[in-house]
Amino acid sequence: MSTSELTIRPATPADIPAIFSMIFELAVFEKLEHMVVANEAMLHDSLFCEKPVCEALVGETGGEVVTFALFFHNFSTFLCKKGLYLEDLYVQQSHRGKGYGKQMLVALAQLAVERDCGRFEWSVLDWNANAIKFYEGMGATVMPDWRICRVTGDALAQLSAQA
């Protein structure tokens, strides 16, 4: 594993093009590019409006942003504490194998501890065996009995219209 220098910092508005480009790369990797409706302006508003709905860290090397992590706070009723939920973590293909993913996860764990979060969690696709092995190696537990439930688009509109 290479020891290339990675600087991790909070994202700024100037990072939006790089982050958005990596979001699309991630969607292609996950075979979900057909689901991307976001654009750079929407991402900017989500991260930098008066009351941001999410935050992002970026990792850069040689002045180039090569990784990002987008996250937000959720809440655990059992712990009665906020948690840190990692929505997406991505390292550009050409920069993998250098420890950047691990460095980003460590930075997020440190942030969760600093913010007194009760847990740090994320989802992983069941077919992504490499990611699952990596996360388990970092101490994460892949929750075998839990499945994500999602209502979106027309189904969300129909559910909200029910009396």
N, C-alpha and C. Protein backbone atom coordinates (compact mmCIF):
# COMPACT_ATOMS: atom_id res chain seq x y z
N MET A 1 0.85 -1.18 0.00
CA MET A 1 0.00 0.00 0.00
C MET A 1 0.89 1.24 0.00
N SER A 2 0.63 2.12 -0.91
CA SER A 2 1.40 3.36 -1.02
C SER A 2 1.09 4.27 0.16
N THR A 3 2.00 5.18 0.44
CA THR A 3 1.79 6.12 1.54
C THR A 3 1.62 7.54 1.03
N SER A 4 1.01 7.69 -0.15
CA SER A 4 0.79 9.03 -0.70
C SER A 4 0.07 9.90 0.33
N GLU A 5 0.45 11.17 0.35
CA GLU A 5 -0.11 12.12 1.31
C GLU A 5 -1.54 12.49 0.91
N LEU A 6 -2.46 12.33 1.81
CA LEU A 6 -3.85 12.73 1.60
C LEU A 6 -4.21 13.77 2.65
N THR A 7 -4.73 14.88 2.21
CA THR A 7 -5.21 15.92 3.12
C THR A 7 -6.73 15.84 3.14
N ILE A 8 -7.30 15.63 4.32
CA ILE A 8 -8.76 15.54 4.47
C ILE A 8 -9.24 16.83 5.10
N ARG A 9 -10.30 17.40 4.50
CA ARG A 9 -10.83 18.67 4.98
C ARG A 9 -12.31 18.75 4.66
N PRO A 10 -13.03 19.67 5.32
CA PRO A 10 -14.43 19.89 4.95
C PRO A 10 -14.52 20.42 3.52
N ALA A 11 -15.54 20.00 2.82
CA ALA A 11 -15.75 20.47 1.46
C ALA A 11 -16.08 21.95 1.46
N THR A 12 -15.73 22.62 0.37
CA THR A 12 -16.07 24.02 0.15
C THR A 12 -16.88 24.10 -1.13
N PRO A 13 -17.52 25.24 -1.39
CA PRO A 13 -18.27 25.37 -2.65
C PRO A 13 -17.40 25.11 -3.89
N ALA A 14 -16.12 25.42 -3.82
CA ALA A 14 -15.24 25.18 -4.97
C ALA A 14 -15.06 23.70 -5.28
N ASP A 15 -15.39 22.82 -4.31
CA ASP A 15 -15.24 21.38 -4.50
C ASP A 15 -16.45 20.74 -5.20
N ILE A 16 -17.51 21.48 -5.38
CA ILE A 16 -18.75 20.91 -5.93
C ILE A 16 -18.52 20.18 -7.26
N PRO A 17 -17.83 20.76 -8.25
CA PRO A 17 -17.64 20.01 -9.50
C PRO A 17 -16.93 18.67 -9.31
N ALA A 18 -15.90 18.63 -8.49
CA ALA A 18 -15.17 17.38 -8.25
C ALA A 18 -16.05 16.36 -7.53
N ILE A 19 -16.79 16.81 -6.51
CA ILE A 19 -17.67 15.89 -5.77
C ILE A 19 -18.75 15.35 -6.69
N PHE A 20 -19.36 16.24 -7.47
CA PHE A 20 -20.44 15.79 -8.34
C PHE A 20 -19.94 14.80 -9.38
N SER A 21 -18.76 15.04 -9.91
CA SER A 21 -18.17 14.11 -10.87
C SER A 21 -17.98 12.73 -10.24
N MET A 22 -17.50 12.70 -9.00
CA MET A 22 -17.31 11.42 -8.31
C MET A 22 -18.64 10.76 -7.96
N ILE A 23 -19.68 11.56 -7.68
CA ILE A 23 -21.01 10.99 -7.43
C ILE A 23 -21.46 10.23 -8.67
N PHE A 24 -21.23 10.81 -9.84
CA PHE A 24 -21.62 10.12 -11.06
C PHE A 24 -20.77 8.87 -11.30
N GLU A 25 -19.46 8.96 -11.02
CA GLU A 25 -18.59 7.78 -11.13
C GLU A 25 -19.10 6.66 -10.21
N LEU A 26 -19.50 7.03 -8.99
CA LEU A 26 -20.04 6.05 -8.05
C LEU A 26 -21.32 5.42 -8.59
N ALA A 27 -22.19 6.24 -9.15
CA ALA A 27 -23.45 5.72 -9.72
C ALA A 27 -23.16 4.73 -10.85
N VAL A 28 -22.18 5.03 -11.70
CA VAL A 28 -21.81 4.11 -12.77
C VAL A 28 -21.28 2.80 -12.18
N PHE A 29 -20.40 2.90 -11.18
CA PHE A 29 -19.86 1.71 -10.53
C PHE A 29 -20.98 0.84 -9.95
N GLU A 30 -21.97 1.48 -9.34
CA GLU A 30 -23.08 0.75 -8.72
C GLU A 30 -24.16 0.38 -9.72
N LYS A 31 -23.95 0.70 -10.99
CA LYS A 31 -24.90 0.43 -12.07
C LYS A 31 -26.23 1.14 -11.82
N LEU A 32 -26.15 2.36 -11.27
CA LEU A 32 -27.34 3.13 -10.92
C LEU A 32 -27.34 4.52 -11.57
N GLU A 33 -26.53 4.71 -12.61
CA GLU A 33 -26.46 6.05 -13.20
C GLU A 33 -27.81 6.53 -13.74
N HIS A 34 -28.69 5.61 -14.09
CA HIS A 34 -30.03 6.00 -14.56
C HIS A 34 -30.87 6.66 -13.46
N MET A 35 -30.44 6.53 -12.21
CA MET A 35 -31.20 7.11 -11.10
C MET A 35 -30.71 8.51 -10.70
N VAL A 36 -29.62 8.97 -11.30
CA VAL A 36 -29.07 10.27 -10.94
C VAL A 36 -29.93 11.38 -11.57
N VAL A 37 -30.57 12.15 -10.71
CA VAL A 37 -31.32 13.33 -11.16
C VAL A 37 -30.70 14.60 -10.60
N ALA A 38 -29.76 14.44 -9.70
CA ALA A 38 -29.10 15.58 -9.07
C ALA A 38 -28.25 16.33 -10.09
N ASN A 39 -27.93 17.57 -9.73
CA ASN A 39 -26.98 18.36 -10.53
C ASN A 39 -26.12 19.15 -9.55
N GLU A 40 -25.14 19.85 -10.07
CA GLU A 40 -24.21 20.58 -9.21
C GLU A 40 -24.91 21.64 -8.37
N ALA A 41 -25.89 22.33 -8.94
CA ALA A 41 -26.60 23.38 -8.19
C ALA A 41 -27.37 22.77 -7.01
N MET A 42 -27.99 21.63 -7.23
CA MET A 42 -28.72 20.96 -6.15
C MET A 42 -27.77 20.52 -5.05
N LEU A 43 -26.62 19.98 -5.44
CA LEU A 43 -25.62 19.55 -4.47
C LEU A 43 -25.11 20.74 -3.67
N HIS A 44 -24.83 21.84 -4.35
CA HIS A 44 -24.38 23.06 -3.67
C HIS A 44 -25.41 23.51 -2.64
N ASP A 45 -26.69 23.54 -3.03
CA ASP A 45 -27.74 23.97 -2.11
C ASP A 45 -27.85 23.03 -0.91
N SER A 46 -27.70 21.74 -1.14
CA SER A 46 -27.82 20.77 -0.04
C SER A 46 -26.69 20.92 0.98
N LEU A 47 -25.50 21.26 0.49
CA LEU A 47 -24.34 21.37 1.37
C LEU A 47 -24.13 22.75 1.96
N PHE A 48 -24.56 23.79 1.25
CA PHE A 48 -24.16 25.14 1.65
C PHE A 48 -25.30 26.13 1.79
N CYS A 49 -26.53 25.66 1.90
CA CYS A 49 -27.66 26.57 2.12
C CYS A 49 -27.64 27.04 3.58
N GLU A 50 -28.62 27.85 3.95
CA GLU A 50 -28.67 28.38 5.32
C GLU A 50 -28.73 27.27 6.37
N LYS A 51 -29.49 26.22 6.09
CA LYS A 51 -29.58 25.07 6.99
C LYS A 51 -29.23 23.81 6.18
N PRO A 52 -27.93 23.52 6.02
CA PRO A 52 -27.52 22.38 5.20
C PRO A 52 -28.14 21.07 5.68
N VAL A 53 -28.49 20.21 4.72
CA VAL A 53 -29.07 18.92 5.06
C VAL A 53 -28.03 17.81 5.12
N CYS A 54 -26.82 18.13 4.69
CA CYS A 54 -25.73 17.16 4.74
C CYS A 54 -24.41 17.91 4.78
N GLU A 55 -23.35 17.14 4.99
CA GLU A 55 -22.00 17.69 5.01
C GLU A 55 -21.12 16.79 4.16
N ALA A 56 -19.93 17.28 3.83
CA ALA A 56 -19.01 16.46 3.06
C ALA A 56 -17.57 16.75 3.49
N LEU A 57 -16.79 15.70 3.48
CA LEU A 57 -15.35 15.81 3.61
C LEU A 57 -14.77 15.45 2.25
N VAL A 58 -13.65 16.07 1.91
CA VAL A 58 -12.93 15.69 0.70
C VAL A 58 -11.51 15.35 1.08
N GLY A 59 -10.91 14.51 0.27
CA GLY A 59 -9.51 14.18 0.43
C GLY A 59 -8.80 14.60 -0.84
N GLU A 60 -7.70 15.31 -0.65
CA GLU A 60 -6.96 15.75 -1.83
C GLU A 60 -5.49 15.39 -1.71
N THR A 61 -4.91 15.18 -2.85
CA THR A 61 -3.48 14.92 -2.95
C THR A 61 -2.97 15.64 -4.18
N GLY A 62 -1.85 16.29 -4.04
CA GLY A 62 -1.30 17.05 -5.16
C GLY A 62 -2.23 18.14 -5.64
N GLY A 63 -3.06 18.68 -4.75
CA GLY A 63 -3.99 19.74 -5.13
C GLY A 63 -5.24 19.26 -5.84
N GLU A 64 -5.41 17.95 -5.97
CA GLU A 64 -6.56 17.37 -6.66
C GLU A 64 -7.45 16.63 -5.66
N VAL A 65 -8.75 16.90 -5.71
CA VAL A 65 -9.71 16.17 -4.88
C VAL A 65 -9.91 14.79 -5.51
N VAL A 66 -9.61 13.74 -4.73
CA VAL A 66 -9.65 12.37 -5.27
C VAL A 66 -10.61 11.46 -4.50
N THR A 67 -11.18 11.96 -3.42
CA THR A 67 -12.13 11.18 -2.64
C THR A 67 -13.08 12.12 -1.92
N PHE A 68 -14.28 11.62 -1.64
CA PHE A 68 -15.23 12.41 -0.86
C PHE A 68 -16.05 11.47 0.01
N ALA A 69 -16.59 12.05 1.07
CA ALA A 69 -17.54 11.35 1.94
C ALA A 69 -18.67 12.34 2.23
N LEU A 70 -19.90 11.95 1.92
CA LEU A 70 -21.06 12.78 2.18
C LEU A 70 -21.84 12.12 3.32
N PHE A 71 -22.20 12.91 4.33
CA PHE A 71 -22.80 12.35 5.54
C PHE A 71 -23.79 13.33 6.16
N PHE A 72 -24.57 12.82 7.09
CA PHE A 72 -25.53 13.64 7.83
C PHE A 72 -25.79 12.97 9.17
N HIS A 73 -26.50 13.68 10.04
CA HIS A 73 -26.84 13.10 11.34
C HIS A 73 -28.20 12.44 11.28
N ASN A 74 -28.31 11.30 11.93
CA ASN A 74 -29.59 10.64 12.15
C ASN A 74 -29.76 10.53 13.67
N PHE A 75 -30.71 9.74 14.12
CA PHE A 75 -30.97 9.66 15.55
C PHE A 75 -31.33 8.23 15.94
N SER A 76 -30.82 7.78 17.07
CA SER A 76 -31.15 6.47 17.62
C SER A 76 -32.06 6.65 18.82
N THR A 77 -33.28 6.11 18.73
CA THR A 77 -34.17 6.18 19.89
C THR A 77 -33.68 5.28 21.02
N PHE A 78 -33.03 4.17 20.69
CA PHE A 78 -32.55 3.27 21.73
C PHE A 78 -31.40 3.89 22.52
N LEU A 79 -30.54 4.64 21.85
CA LEU A 79 -29.41 5.29 22.52
C LEU A 79 -29.77 6.70 23.00
N CYS A 80 -30.82 7.25 22.40
CA CYS A 80 -31.21 8.65 22.64
C CYS A 80 -30.02 9.58 22.37
N LYS A 81 -29.38 9.30 21.24
CA LYS A 81 -28.24 10.09 20.78
C LYS A 81 -28.29 10.20 19.27
N LYS A 82 -27.69 11.27 18.77
CA LYS A 82 -27.55 11.37 17.33
C LYS A 82 -26.49 10.39 16.86
N GLY A 83 -26.58 10.06 15.60
CA GLY A 83 -25.59 9.22 14.96
C GLY A 83 -25.05 9.93 13.74
N LEU A 84 -23.97 9.42 13.21
CA LEU A 84 -23.43 9.94 11.96
C LEU A 84 -23.67 8.89 10.90
N TYR A 85 -24.40 9.26 9.85
CA TYR A 85 -24.73 8.34 8.77
C TYR A 85 -23.94 8.73 7.52
N LEU A 86 -23.13 7.83 7.04
CA LEU A 86 -22.35 8.02 5.83
C LEU A 86 -23.20 7.62 4.64
N GLU A 87 -23.59 8.58 3.84
CA GLU A 87 -24.41 8.30 2.65
C GLU A 87 -23.54 7.72 1.54
N ASP A 88 -22.41 8.35 1.27
CA ASP A 88 -21.53 7.86 0.21
C ASP A 88 -20.08 8.17 0.54
N LEU A 89 -19.24 7.21 0.24
CA LEU A 89 -17.78 7.37 0.31
C LEU A 89 -17.25 6.86 -1.02
N TYR A 90 -16.42 7.66 -1.66
CA TYR A 90 -15.89 7.25 -2.96
C TYR A 90 -14.44 7.68 -3.09
N VAL A 91 -13.63 6.78 -3.61
CA VAL A 91 -12.23 7.07 -3.94
C VAL A 91 -12.09 6.81 -5.44
N GLN A 92 -11.54 7.79 -6.16
CA GLN A 92 -11.36 7.59 -7.59
C GLN A 92 -10.55 6.33 -7.86
N GLN A 93 -10.92 5.63 -8.91
CA GLN A 93 -10.31 4.35 -9.27
C GLN A 93 -8.78 4.43 -9.29
N SER A 94 -8.25 5.49 -9.86
CA SER A 94 -6.80 5.62 -10.01
C SER A 94 -6.08 5.87 -8.69
N HIS A 95 -6.83 6.10 -7.62
CA HIS A 95 -6.22 6.38 -6.31
C HIS A 95 -6.56 5.31 -5.27
N ARG A 96 -7.13 4.20 -5.72
CA ARG A 96 -7.45 3.12 -4.78
C ARG A 96 -6.19 2.34 -4.41
N GLY A 97 -6.25 1.69 -3.27
CA GLY A 97 -5.12 0.89 -2.81
C GLY A 97 -4.05 1.69 -2.10
N LYS A 98 -4.34 2.94 -1.82
CA LYS A 98 -3.38 3.81 -1.15
C LYS A 98 -3.77 4.10 0.30
N GLY A 99 -4.87 3.51 0.75
CA GLY A 99 -5.30 3.72 2.13
C GLY A 99 -6.23 4.91 2.31
N TYR A 100 -6.66 5.54 1.21
CA TYR A 100 -7.49 6.74 1.31
C TYR A 100 -8.87 6.45 1.88
N GLY A 101 -9.46 5.32 1.50
CA GLY A 101 -10.77 4.96 2.05
C GLY A 101 -10.70 4.79 3.55
N LYS A 102 -9.68 4.12 4.02
CA LYS A 102 -9.50 3.92 5.46
C LYS A 102 -9.30 5.26 6.15
N GLN A 103 -8.48 6.14 5.56
CA GLN A 103 -8.25 7.45 6.16
C GLN A 103 -9.55 8.25 6.26
N MET A 104 -10.38 8.15 5.24
CA MET A 104 -11.66 8.87 5.27
C MET A 104 -12.57 8.31 6.37
N LEU A 105 -12.63 6.99 6.49
CA LEU A 105 -13.46 6.38 7.54
C LEU A 105 -12.96 6.76 8.92
N VAL A 106 -11.66 6.78 9.11
CA VAL A 106 -11.09 7.17 10.40
C VAL A 106 -11.46 8.63 10.71
N ALA A 107 -11.35 9.51 9.71
CA ALA A 107 -11.70 10.92 9.92
C ALA A 107 -13.17 11.07 10.29
N LEU A 108 -14.03 10.29 9.66
CA LEU A 108 -15.46 10.34 9.99
C LEU A 108 -15.72 9.78 11.39
N ALA A 109 -15.03 8.70 11.76
CA ALA A 109 -15.18 8.14 13.11
C ALA A 109 -14.73 9.16 14.15
N GLN A 110 -13.63 9.85 13.87
CA GLN A 110 -13.17 10.89 14.79
C GLN A 110 -14.21 12.00 14.93
N LEU A 111 -14.80 12.38 13.82
CA LEU A 111 -15.84 13.41 13.84
C LEU A 111 -17.04 12.93 14.67
N ALA A 112 -17.43 11.67 14.49
CA ALA A 112 -18.55 11.12 15.26
C ALA A 112 -18.25 11.14 16.76
N VAL A 113 -17.03 10.80 17.13
CA VAL A 113 -16.64 10.82 18.55
C VAL A 113 -16.64 12.26 19.06
N GLU A 114 -16.06 13.18 18.29
CA GLU A 114 -16.04 14.59 18.70
C GLU A 114 -17.45 15.15 18.91
N ARG A 115 -18.39 14.70 18.09
CA ARG A 115 -19.76 15.19 18.16
C ARG A 115 -20.63 14.38 19.12
N ASP A 116 -20.04 13.47 19.86
CA ASP A 116 -20.74 12.63 20.83
C ASP A 116 -21.86 11.81 20.19
N CYS A 117 -21.58 11.26 19.03
CA CYS A 117 -22.55 10.40 18.35
C CYS A 117 -22.55 9.02 19.00
N GLY A 118 -23.71 8.41 19.05
CA GLY A 118 -23.84 7.08 19.62
C GLY A 118 -23.42 5.99 18.67
N ARG A 119 -23.40 6.30 17.36
CA ARG A 119 -22.98 5.31 16.38
C ARG A 119 -22.61 5.98 15.07
N PHE A 120 -21.91 5.24 14.26
CA PHE A 120 -21.49 5.65 12.92
C PHE A 120 -21.88 4.50 12.01
N GLU A 121 -22.70 4.78 11.02
CA GLU A 121 -23.19 3.69 10.19
C GLU A 121 -23.34 4.09 8.73
N TRP A 122 -23.46 3.07 7.88
CA TRP A 122 -23.64 3.26 6.45
C TRP A 122 -24.19 1.97 5.87
N SER A 123 -24.54 2.00 4.61
CA SER A 123 -25.05 0.83 3.90
C SER A 123 -24.01 0.38 2.87
N VAL A 124 -24.09 -0.89 2.50
CA VAL A 124 -23.22 -1.42 1.47
C VAL A 124 -24.05 -2.38 0.62
N LEU A 125 -23.83 -2.34 -0.68
CA LEU A 125 -24.55 -3.25 -1.58
C LEU A 125 -24.11 -4.69 -1.30
N ASP A 126 -25.08 -5.61 -1.29
CA ASP A 126 -24.77 -6.99 -0.92
C ASP A 126 -23.84 -7.69 -1.91
N TRP A 127 -23.74 -7.20 -3.13
CA TRP A 127 -22.85 -7.81 -4.12
C TRP A 127 -21.43 -7.24 -4.07
N ASN A 128 -21.20 -6.20 -3.27
CA ASN A 128 -19.88 -5.57 -3.23
C ASN A 128 -19.01 -6.25 -2.16
N ALA A 129 -18.57 -7.46 -2.50
CA ALA A 129 -17.81 -8.27 -1.54
C ALA A 129 -16.52 -7.59 -1.10
N ASN A 130 -15.86 -6.88 -2.00
CA ASN A 130 -14.62 -6.19 -1.63
C ASN A 130 -14.88 -5.14 -0.56
N ALA A 131 -15.95 -4.36 -0.73
CA ALA A 131 -16.28 -3.33 0.25
C ALA A 131 -16.67 -3.96 1.58
N ILE A 132 -17.45 -5.02 1.54
CA ILE A 132 -17.88 -5.68 2.77
C ILE A 132 -16.66 -6.19 3.55
N LYS A 133 -15.73 -6.83 2.85
CA LYS A 133 -14.51 -7.33 3.49
C LYS A 133 -13.70 -6.18 4.08
N PHE A 134 -13.58 -5.08 3.34
CA PHE A 134 -12.85 -3.90 3.80
C PHE A 134 -13.50 -3.34 5.06
N TYR A 135 -14.83 -3.16 5.05
CA TYR A 135 -15.52 -2.59 6.20
C TYR A 135 -15.41 -3.50 7.43
N GLU A 136 -15.58 -4.80 7.22
CA GLU A 136 -15.45 -5.72 8.34
C GLU A 136 -14.03 -5.68 8.91
N GLY A 137 -13.05 -5.53 8.05
CA GLY A 137 -11.66 -5.42 8.49
C GLY A 137 -11.40 -4.17 9.32
N MET A 138 -12.25 -3.17 9.14
CA MET A 138 -12.13 -1.93 9.92
C MET A 138 -12.94 -1.99 11.21
N GLY A 139 -13.61 -3.12 11.45
CA GLY A 139 -14.37 -3.27 12.68
C GLY A 139 -15.86 -3.09 12.54
N ALA A 140 -16.35 -2.87 11.31
CA ALA A 140 -17.79 -2.69 11.10
C ALA A 140 -18.50 -4.04 11.13
N THR A 141 -19.74 -4.02 11.58
CA THR A 141 -20.60 -5.19 11.55
C THR A 141 -21.62 -4.98 10.43
N VAL A 142 -21.65 -5.91 9.48
CA VAL A 142 -22.68 -5.87 8.45
C VAL A 142 -23.91 -6.51 9.06
N MET A 143 -24.97 -5.74 9.19
CA MET A 143 -26.17 -6.17 9.90
C MET A 143 -26.98 -7.14 9.03
N PRO A 144 -26.91 -8.45 9.30
CA PRO A 144 -27.54 -9.43 8.40
C PRO A 144 -29.06 -9.44 8.45
N ASP A 145 -29.64 -8.99 9.53
CA ASP A 145 -31.09 -9.08 9.68
C ASP A 145 -31.83 -7.82 9.28
N TRP A 146 -31.14 -6.80 8.82
CA TRP A 146 -31.77 -5.52 8.51
C TRP A 146 -31.77 -5.29 7.01
N ARG A 147 -32.86 -4.76 6.51
CA ARG A 147 -32.99 -4.38 5.10
C ARG A 147 -33.48 -2.94 5.06
N ILE A 148 -33.01 -2.20 4.09
CA ILE A 148 -33.43 -0.81 3.92
C ILE A 148 -34.80 -0.78 3.25
N CYS A 149 -35.70 0.01 3.78
CA CYS A 149 -37.00 0.23 3.17
C CYS A 149 -36.99 1.63 2.57
N ARG A 150 -37.50 1.75 1.35
CA ARG A 150 -37.45 3.05 0.67
C ARG A 150 -38.76 3.28 -0.07
N VAL A 151 -39.28 4.48 0.06
CA VAL A 151 -40.44 4.91 -0.71
C VAL A 151 -40.00 6.17 -1.43
N THR A 152 -40.15 6.21 -2.75
CA THR A 152 -39.69 7.34 -3.54
C THR A 152 -40.59 7.55 -4.75
N GLY A 153 -40.47 8.70 -5.39
CA GLY A 153 -41.19 8.97 -6.63
C GLY A 153 -42.69 8.87 -6.48
N ASP A 154 -43.33 8.20 -7.44
CA ASP A 154 -44.78 8.06 -7.45
C ASP A 154 -45.30 7.34 -6.21
N ALA A 155 -44.55 6.34 -5.75
CA ALA A 155 -44.97 5.61 -4.55
C ALA A 155 -45.01 6.52 -3.33
N LEU A 156 -44.06 7.44 -3.23
CA LEU A 156 -44.05 8.40 -2.13
C LEU A 156 -45.26 9.33 -2.23
N ALA A 157 -45.54 9.80 -3.41
CA ALA A 157 -46.70 10.68 -3.60
C ALA A 157 -48.00 9.94 -3.26
N GLN A 158 -48.11 8.68 -3.67
CA GLN A 158 -49.31 7.90 -3.38
C GLN A 158 -49.44 7.65 -1.88
N LEU A 159 -48.35 7.33 -1.21
CA LEU A 159 -48.41 7.09 0.23
C LEU A 159 -48.82 8.36 0.97
N SER A 160 -48.28 9.49 0.56
CA SER A 160 -48.62 10.75 1.24
C SER A 160 -50.06 11.16 1.01
N ALA A 161 -50.66 10.66 -0.04
CA ALA A 161 -52.04 11.04 -0.36
C ALA A 161 -53.07 10.19 0.37
N GLN A 162 -52.62 9.14 1.04
CA GLN A 162 -53.55 8.26 1.75
C GLN A 162 -54.10 8.96 2.99
N ALA A 163 -55.38 8.74 3.23
CA ALA A 163 -56.03 9.36 4.38
C ALA A 163 -55.84 8.49 5.61
